[in-house]
Amino acid sequence: MEKQELMEMAVQRLSRFLSREFTEKDLDLTYDSLGADSMDMVVLAFELEKKIGKPVEPEIFLQHASIRAALDDLISR
């Protein structure tokens, strides 16, 4: 999976979860700063896991300075 495709998927899913417009620039924010809760992290991790075909722990969003950094980590694994 290409990095841009993963970023676009994350933007779409986060827009849906948070019920607001979300842009790729928002990927530079932490998950907490977006007003998301732990269930949002679990669902996003599950959907990413299905998309990339490898395990994604929800905690990855807390272990990185931004959502983009967490996604970069997923891609590099």
PDB file of N, CA and C in Angstrom:
ATOM      1  N   MET A   1       0.838  -1.177   0.000  1.00  0.00           N
ATOM      2  CA  MET A   1       0.000   0.000   0.000  1.00  0.00           C
ATOM      3  C   MET A   1       0.882   1.238   0.000  1.00  0.00           C
ATOM      4  N   GLU A   2       0.505   2.198  -0.788  1.00  0.00           N
ATOM      5  CA  GLU A   2       1.259   3.432  -0.870  1.00  0.00           C
ATOM      6  C   GLU A   2       0.931   4.352   0.299  1.00  0.00           C
ATOM      7  N   LYS A   3       1.918   5.145   0.670  1.00  0.00           N
ATOM      8  CA  LYS A   3       1.766   6.065   1.796  1.00  0.00           C
ATOM      9  C   LYS A   3       0.588   7.012   1.581  1.00  0.00           C
ATOM     10  N   GLN A   4       0.458   7.599   0.410  1.00  0.00           N
ATOM     11  CA  GLN A   4      -0.608   8.559   0.148  1.00  0.00           C
ATOM     12  C   GLN A   4      -1.980   7.917   0.286  1.00  0.00           C
ATOM     13  N   GLU A   5      -2.099   6.688  -0.164  1.00  0.00           N
ATOM     14  CA  GLU A   5      -3.374   5.969  -0.050  1.00  0.00           C
ATOM     15  C   GLU A   5      -3.746   5.752   1.419  1.00  0.00           C
ATOM     16  N   LEU A   6      -2.779   5.400   2.234  1.00  0.00           N
ATOM     17  CA  LEU A   6      -3.017   5.203   3.659  1.00  0.00           C
ATOM     18  C   LEU A   6      -3.401   6.526   4.327  1.00  0.00           C
ATOM     19  N   MET A   7      -2.740   7.599   3.972  1.00  0.00           N
ATOM     20  CA  MET A   7      -3.049   8.919   4.540  1.00  0.00           C
ATOM     21  C   MET A   7      -4.477   9.339   4.170  1.00  0.00           C
ATOM     22  N   GLU A   8      -4.858   9.132   2.919  1.00  0.00           N
ATOM     23  CA  GLU A   8      -6.204   9.489   2.478  1.00  0.00           C
ATOM     24  C   GLU A   8      -7.262   8.670   3.207  1.00  0.00           C
ATOM     25  N   MET A   9      -6.998   7.382   3.406  1.00  0.00           N
ATOM     26  CA  MET A   9      -7.930   6.548   4.136  1.00  0.00           C
ATOM     27  C   MET A   9      -8.092   7.047   5.566  1.00  0.00           C
ATOM     28  N   ALA A  10      -6.980   7.402   6.213  1.00  0.00           N
ATOM     29  CA  ALA A  10      -7.044   7.898   7.581  1.00  0.00           C
ATOM     30  C   ALA A  10      -7.844   9.194   7.658  1.00  0.00           C
ATOM     31  N   VAL A  11      -7.648  10.086   6.697  1.00  0.00           N
ATOM     32  CA  VAL A  11      -8.400  11.347   6.672  1.00  0.00           C
ATOM     33  C   VAL A  11      -9.897  11.060   6.544  1.00  0.00           C
ATOM     34  N   GLN A  12     -10.271  10.169   5.648  1.00  0.00           N
ATOM     35  CA  GLN A  12     -11.685   9.830   5.458  1.00  0.00           C
ATOM     36  C   GLN A  12     -12.295   9.233   6.721  1.00  0.00           C
ATOM     37  N   ARG A  13     -11.578   8.290   7.327  1.00  0.00           N
ATOM     38  CA  ARG A  13     -12.105   7.625   8.518  1.00  0.00           C
ATOM     39  C   ARG A  13     -12.223   8.604   9.690  1.00  0.00           C
ATOM     40  N   LEU A  14     -11.216   9.433   9.879  1.00  0.00           N
ATOM     41  CA  LEU A  14     -11.259  10.386  10.980  1.00  0.00           C
ATOM     42  C   LEU A  14     -12.367  11.417  10.779  1.00  0.00           C
ATOM     43  N   SER A  15     -12.606  11.832   9.550  1.00  0.00           N
ATOM     44  CA  SER A  15     -13.718  12.749   9.271  1.00  0.00           C
ATOM     45  C   SER A  15     -15.034  12.119   9.697  1.00  0.00           C
ATOM     46  N   ARG A  16     -15.179  10.840   9.378  1.00  0.00           N
ATOM     47  CA  ARG A  16     -16.408  10.130   9.742  1.00  0.00           C
ATOM     48  C   ARG A  16     -16.528   9.964  11.258  1.00  0.00           C
ATOM     49  N   PHE A  17     -15.455   9.532  11.910  1.00  0.00           N
ATOM     50  CA  PHE A  17     -15.494   9.303  13.357  1.00  0.00           C
ATOM     51  C   PHE A  17     -15.791  10.584  14.123  1.00  0.00           C
ATOM     52  N   LEU A  18     -15.144  11.672  13.697  1.00  0.00           N
ATOM     53  CA  LEU A  18     -15.213  12.917  14.457  1.00  0.00           C
ATOM     54  C   LEU A  18     -16.317  13.848  13.964  1.00  0.00           C
ATOM     55  N   SER A  19     -17.034  13.426  12.932  1.00  0.00           N
ATOM     56  CA  SER A  19     -18.164  14.178  12.390  1.00  0.00           C
ATOM     57  C   SER A  19     -17.823  15.631  12.075  1.00  0.00           C
ATOM     58  N   ARG A  20     -16.680  15.788  11.428  1.00  0.00           N
ATOM     59  CA  ARG A  20     -16.270  17.122  10.986  1.00  0.00           C
ATOM     60  C   ARG A  20     -15.308  16.974   9.821  1.00  0.00           C
ATOM     61  N   GLU A  21     -15.119  18.084   9.117  1.00  0.00           N
ATOM     62  CA  GLU A  21     -14.170  18.043   8.016  1.00  0.00           C
ATOM     63  C   GLU A  21     -12.765  17.845   8.577  1.00  0.00           C
ATOM     64  N   PHE A  22     -12.024  17.028   7.937  1.00  0.00           N
ATOM     65  CA  PHE A  22     -10.690  16.669   8.374  1.00  0.00           C
ATOM     66  C   PHE A  22      -9.800  16.740   7.150  1.00  0.00           C
ATOM     67  N   THR A  23      -8.613  17.309   7.289  1.00  0.00           N
ATOM     68  CA  THR A  23      -7.705  17.421   6.150  1.00  0.00           C
ATOM     69  C   THR A  23      -6.412  16.668   6.431  1.00  0.00           C
ATOM     70  N   GLU A  24      -5.615  16.501   5.402  1.00  0.00           N
ATOM     71  CA  GLU A  24      -4.337  15.815   5.593  1.00  0.00           C
ATOM     72  C   GLU A  24      -3.437  16.583   6.558  1.00  0.00           C
ATOM     73  N   LYS A  25      -3.571  17.890   6.594  1.00  0.00           N
ATOM     74  CA  LYS A  25      -2.777  18.692   7.540  1.00  0.00           C
ATOM     75  C   LYS A  25      -3.061  18.291   8.993  1.00  0.00           C
ATOM     76  N   ASP A  26      -4.297  17.869   9.270  1.00  0.00           N
ATOM     77  CA  ASP A  26      -4.657  17.430  10.619  1.00  0.00           C
ATOM     78  C   ASP A  26      -3.893  16.183  11.053  1.00  0.00           C
ATOM     79  N   LEU A  27      -3.308  15.465  10.108  1.00  0.00           N
ATOM     80  CA  LEU A  27      -2.531  14.279  10.462  1.00  0.00           C
ATOM     81  C   LEU A  27      -1.271  14.640  11.242  1.00  0.00           C
ATOM     82  N   ASP A  28      -0.923  15.918  11.253  1.00  0.00           N
ATOM     83  CA  ASP A  28       0.234  16.371  12.020  1.00  0.00           C
ATOM     84  C   ASP A  28      -0.105  16.596  13.495  1.00  0.00           C
ATOM     85  N   LEU A  29      -1.365  16.417  13.856  1.00  0.00           N
ATOM     86  CA  LEU A  29      -1.814  16.580  15.241  1.00  0.00           C
ATOM     87  C   LEU A  29      -1.831  15.226  15.953  1.00  0.00           C
ATOM     88  N   THR A  30      -1.802  15.273  17.268  1.00  0.00           N
ATOM     89  CA  THR A  30      -1.960  14.033  18.023  1.00  0.00           C
ATOM     90  C   THR A  30      -3.421  13.617  17.989  1.00  0.00           C
ATOM     91  N   TYR A  31      -3.654  12.353  18.178  1.00  0.00           N
ATOM     92  CA  TYR A  31      -5.020  11.853  18.172  1.00  0.00           C
ATOM     93  C   TYR A  31      -5.822  12.512  19.285  1.00  0.00           C
ATOM     94  N   ASP A  32      -5.231  12.661  20.465  1.00  0.00           N
ATOM     95  CA  ASP A  32      -5.912  13.292  21.601  1.00  0.00           C
ATOM     96  C   ASP A  32      -6.336  14.717  21.295  1.00  0.00           C
ATOM     97  N   SER A  33      -5.475  15.464  20.618  1.00  0.00           N
ATOM     98  CA  SER A  33      -5.786  16.874  20.362  1.00  0.00           C
ATOM     99  C   SER A  33      -6.956  17.056  19.401  1.00  0.00           C
ATOM    100  N   LEU A  34      -7.353  15.999  18.720  1.00  0.00           N
ATOM    101  CA  LEU A  34      -8.492  16.075  17.807  1.00  0.00           C
ATOM    102  C   LEU A  34      -9.824  15.864  18.517  1.00  0.00           C
ATOM    103  N   GLY A  35      -9.779  15.488  19.792  1.00  0.00           N
ATOM    104  CA  GLY A  35     -11.007  15.229  20.532  1.00  0.00           C
ATOM    105  C   GLY A  35     -11.523  13.814  20.343  1.00  0.00           C
ATOM    106  N   ALA A  36     -10.662  12.935  19.902  1.00  0.00           N
ATOM    107  CA  ALA A  36     -11.044  11.539  19.695  1.00  0.00           C
ATOM    108  C   ALA A  36     -10.950  10.776  21.016  1.00  0.00           C
ATOM    109  N   ASP A  37     -11.692   9.681  21.090  1.00  0.00           N
ATOM    110  CA  ASP A  37     -11.614   8.862  22.292  1.00  0.00           C
ATOM    111  C   ASP A  37     -10.979   7.509  21.970  1.00  0.00           C
ATOM    112  N   SER A  38     -10.844   6.689  22.981  1.00  0.00           N
ATOM    113  CA  SER A  38     -10.142   5.415  22.802  1.00  0.00           C
ATOM    114  C   SER A  38     -10.865   4.494  21.819  1.00  0.00           C
ATOM    115  N   MET A  39     -12.184   4.555  21.773  1.00  0.00           N
ATOM    116  CA  MET A  39     -12.920   3.704  20.837  1.00  0.00           C
ATOM    117  C   MET A  39     -12.606   4.112  19.399  1.00  0.00           C
ATOM    118  N   ASP A  40     -12.439   5.403  19.156  1.00  0.00           N
ATOM    119  CA  ASP A  40     -12.054   5.858  17.820  1.00  0.00           C
ATOM    120  C   ASP A  40     -10.699   5.268  17.433  1.00  0.00           C
ATOM    121  N   MET A  41      -9.777   5.231  18.389  1.00  0.00           N
ATOM    122  CA  MET A  41      -8.457   4.669  18.117  1.00  0.00           C
ATOM    123  C   MET A  41      -8.547   3.188  17.791  1.00  0.00           C
ATOM    124  N   VAL A  42      -9.385   2.480  18.519  1.00  0.00           N
ATOM    125  CA  VAL A  42      -9.555   1.043  18.294  1.00  0.00           C
ATOM    126  C   VAL A  42     -10.135   0.790  16.903  1.00  0.00           C
ATOM    127  N   VAL A  43     -11.164   1.541  16.543  1.00  0.00           N
ATOM    128  CA  VAL A  43     -11.796   1.357  15.240  1.00  0.00           C
ATOM    129  C   VAL A  43     -10.830   1.726  14.110  1.00  0.00           C
ATOM    130  N   LEU A  44     -10.110   2.834  14.249  1.00  0.00           N
ATOM    131  CA  LEU A  44      -9.156   3.214  13.216  1.00  0.00           C
ATOM    132  C   LEU A  44      -8.067   2.156  13.076  1.00  0.00           C
ATOM    133  N   ALA A  45      -7.555   1.662  14.173  1.00  0.00           N
ATOM    134  CA  ALA A  45      -6.529   0.617  14.128  1.00  0.00           C
ATOM    135  C   ALA A  45      -7.068  -0.627  13.429  1.00  0.00           C
ATOM    136  N   PHE A  46      -8.292  -1.014  13.743  1.00  0.00           N
ATOM    137  CA  PHE A  46      -8.911  -2.189  13.125  1.00  0.00           C
ATOM    138  C   PHE A  46      -9.045  -1.988  11.611  1.00  0.00           C
ATOM    139  N   GLU A  47      -9.513  -0.816  11.186  1.00  0.00           N
ATOM    140  CA  GLU A  47      -9.692  -0.558   9.765  1.00  0.00           C
ATOM    141  C   GLU A  47      -8.346  -0.494   9.033  1.00  0.00           C
ATOM    142  N   LEU A  48      -7.351   0.087   9.677  1.00  0.00           N
ATOM    143  CA  LEU A  48      -6.010   0.115   9.079  1.00  0.00           C
ATOM    144  C   LEU A  48      -5.454  -1.299   8.951  1.00  0.00           C
ATOM    145  N   GLU A  49      -5.683  -2.101   9.972  1.00  0.00           N
ATOM    146  CA  GLU A  49      -5.224  -3.490   9.963  1.00  0.00           C
ATOM    147  C   GLU A  49      -5.819  -4.250   8.781  1.00  0.00           C
ATOM    148  N   LYS A  50      -7.110  -4.064   8.561  1.00  0.00           N
ATOM    149  CA  LYS A  50      -7.759  -4.726   7.420  1.00  0.00           C
ATOM    150  C   LYS A  50      -7.162  -4.237   6.102  1.00  0.00           C
ATOM    151  N   LYS A  51      -6.880  -2.957   6.023  1.00  0.00           N
ATOM    152  CA  LYS A  51      -6.391  -2.358   4.776  1.00  0.00           C
ATOM    153  C   LYS A  51      -4.959  -2.787   4.455  1.00  0.00           C
ATOM    154  N   ILE A  52      -4.090  -2.825   5.467  1.00  0.00           N
ATOM    155  CA  ILE A  52      -2.684  -3.132   5.187  1.00  0.00           C
ATOM    156  C   ILE A  52      -2.329  -4.605   5.398  1.00  0.00           C
ATOM    157  N   GLY A  53      -3.231  -5.356   6.012  1.00  0.00           N
ATOM    158  CA  GLY A  53      -3.018  -6.791   6.158  1.00  0.00           C
ATOM    159  C   GLY A  53      -2.007  -7.191   7.210  1.00  0.00           C
ATOM    160  N   LYS A  54      -1.772  -6.335   8.192  1.00  0.00           N
ATOM    161  CA  LYS A  54      -0.895  -6.710   9.302  1.00  0.00           C
ATOM    162  C   LYS A  54      -1.412  -6.055  10.582  1.00  0.00           C
ATOM    163  N   PRO A  55      -1.055  -6.616  11.739  1.00  0.00           N
ATOM    164  CA  PRO A  55      -1.589  -6.118  13.007  1.00  0.00           C
ATOM    165  C   PRO A  55      -1.271  -4.638  13.257  1.00  0.00           C
ATOM    166  N   VAL A  56      -2.264  -3.932  13.790  1.00  0.00           N
ATOM    167  CA  VAL A  56      -2.106  -2.531  14.174  1.00  0.00           C
ATOM    168  C   VAL A  56      -2.672  -2.378  15.582  1.00  0.00           C
ATOM    169  N   GLU A  57      -1.807  -2.079  16.527  1.00  0.00           N
ATOM    170  CA  GLU A  57      -2.241  -1.862  17.907  1.00  0.00           C
ATOM    171  C   GLU A  57      -2.731  -0.419  18.054  1.00  0.00           C
ATOM    172  N   PRO A  58      -3.891  -0.191  18.667  1.00  0.00           N
ATOM    173  CA  PRO A  58      -4.411   1.166  18.842  1.00  0.00           C
ATOM    174  C   PRO A  58      -3.443   2.102  19.578  1.00  0.00           C
ATOM    175  N   GLU A  59      -2.599   1.537  20.417  1.00  0.00           N
ATOM    176  CA  GLU A  59      -1.653   2.337  21.189  1.00  0.00           C
ATOM    177  C   GLU A  59      -0.639   3.081  20.323  1.00  0.00           C
ATOM    178  N   ILE A  60      -0.509   2.660  19.060  1.00  0.00           N
ATOM    179  CA  ILE A  60       0.459   3.309  18.173  1.00  0.00           C
ATOM    180  C   ILE A  60       0.191   4.811  18.071  1.00  0.00           C
ATOM    181  N   PHE A  61      -1.079   5.214  18.195  1.00  0.00           N
ATOM    182  CA  PHE A  61      -1.429   6.630  18.086  1.00  0.00           C
ATOM    183  C   PHE A  61      -0.986   7.422  19.311  1.00  0.00           C
ATOM    184  N   LEU A  62      -0.790   6.741  20.416  1.00  0.00           N
ATOM    185  CA  LEU A  62      -0.318   7.398  21.637  1.00  0.00           C
ATOM    186  C   LEU A  62       1.203   7.390  21.732  1.00  0.00           C
ATOM    187  N   GLN A  63       1.835   6.529  20.974  1.00  0.00           N
ATOM    188  CA  GLN A  63       3.287   6.367  21.028  1.00  0.00           C
ATOM    189  C   GLN A  63       4.038   7.308  20.097  1.00  0.00           C
ATOM    190  N   HIS A  64       3.310   8.066  19.296  1.00  0.00           N
ATOM    191  CA  HIS A  64       3.939   8.959  18.319  1.00  0.00           C
ATOM    192  C   HIS A  64       3.464  10.391  18.516  1.00  0.00           C
ATOM    193  N   ALA A  65       4.276  11.329  18.063  1.00  0.00           N
ATOM    194  CA  ALA A  65       3.971  12.748  18.235  1.00  0.00           C
ATOM    195  C   ALA A  65       2.793  13.208  17.371  1.00  0.00           C
ATOM    196  N   SER A  66       2.484  12.460  16.322  1.00  0.00           N
ATOM    197  CA  SER A  66       1.360  12.831  15.454  1.00  0.00           C
ATOM    198  C   SER A  66       0.787  11.579  14.807  1.00  0.00           C
ATOM    199  N   ILE A  67      -0.394  11.747  14.249  1.00  0.00           N
ATOM    200  CA  ILE A  67      -1.006  10.645  13.517  1.00  0.00           C
ATOM    201  C   ILE A  67      -0.148  10.293  12.307  1.00  0.00           C
ATOM    202  N   ARG A  68       0.371  11.321  11.629  1.00  0.00           N
ATOM    203  CA  ARG A  68       1.235  11.080  10.472  1.00  0.00           C
ATOM    204  C   ARG A  68       2.439  10.215  10.865  1.00  0.00           C
ATOM    205  N   ALA A  69       3.057  10.521  12.009  1.00  0.00           N
ATOM    206  CA  ALA A  69       4.203   9.736  12.469  1.00  0.00           C
ATOM    207  C   ALA A  69       3.803   8.280  12.738  1.00  0.00           C
ATOM    208  N   ALA A  70       2.627   8.080  13.301  1.00  0.00           N
ATOM    209  CA  ALA A  70       2.158   6.718  13.556  1.00  0.00           C
ATOM    210  C   ALA A  70       1.939   5.981  12.235  1.00  0.00           C
ATOM    211  N   LEU A  71       1.361   6.667  11.253  1.00  0.00           N
ATOM    212  CA  LEU A  71       1.134   6.045   9.947  1.00  0.00           C
ATOM    213  C   LEU A  71       2.459   5.753   9.237  1.00  0.00           C
ATOM    214  N   ASP A  72       3.406   6.668   9.362  1.00  0.00           N
ATOM    215  CA  ASP A  72       4.738   6.435   8.778  1.00  0.00           C
ATOM    216  C   ASP A  72       5.367   5.183   9.390  1.00  0.00           C
ATOM    217  N   ASP A  73       5.202   5.026  10.691  1.00  0.00           N
ATOM    218  CA  ASP A  73       5.738   3.841  11.375  1.00  0.00           C
ATOM    219  C   ASP A  73       5.076   2.573  10.832  1.00  0.00           C
ATOM    220  N   LEU A  74       3.770   2.618  10.643  1.00  0.00           N
ATOM    221  CA  LEU A  74       3.054   1.447  10.108  1.00  0.00           C
ATOM    222  C   LEU A  74       3.564   1.065   8.721  1.00  0.00           C
ATOM    223  N   ILE A  75       3.788   2.062   7.898  1.00  0.00           N
ATOM    224  CA  ILE A  75       4.242   1.808   6.529  1.00  0.00           C
ATOM    225  C   ILE A  75       5.636   1.208   6.515  1.00  0.00           C
ATOM    226  N   SER A  76       6.479   1.662   7.437  1.00  0.00           N
ATOM    227  CA  SER A  76       7.869   1.206   7.425  1.00  0.00           C
ATOM    228  C   SER A  76       8.050  -0.196   8.012  1.00  0.00           C
ATOM    229  N   ARG A  77       7.052  -0.737   8.638  1.00  0.00           N
ATOM    230  CA  ARG A  77       7.182  -2.070   9.250  1.00  0.00           C
ATOM    231  C   ARG A  77       7.145  -3.167   8.222  1.00  0.00           C
TER     232      ARG A  77
END
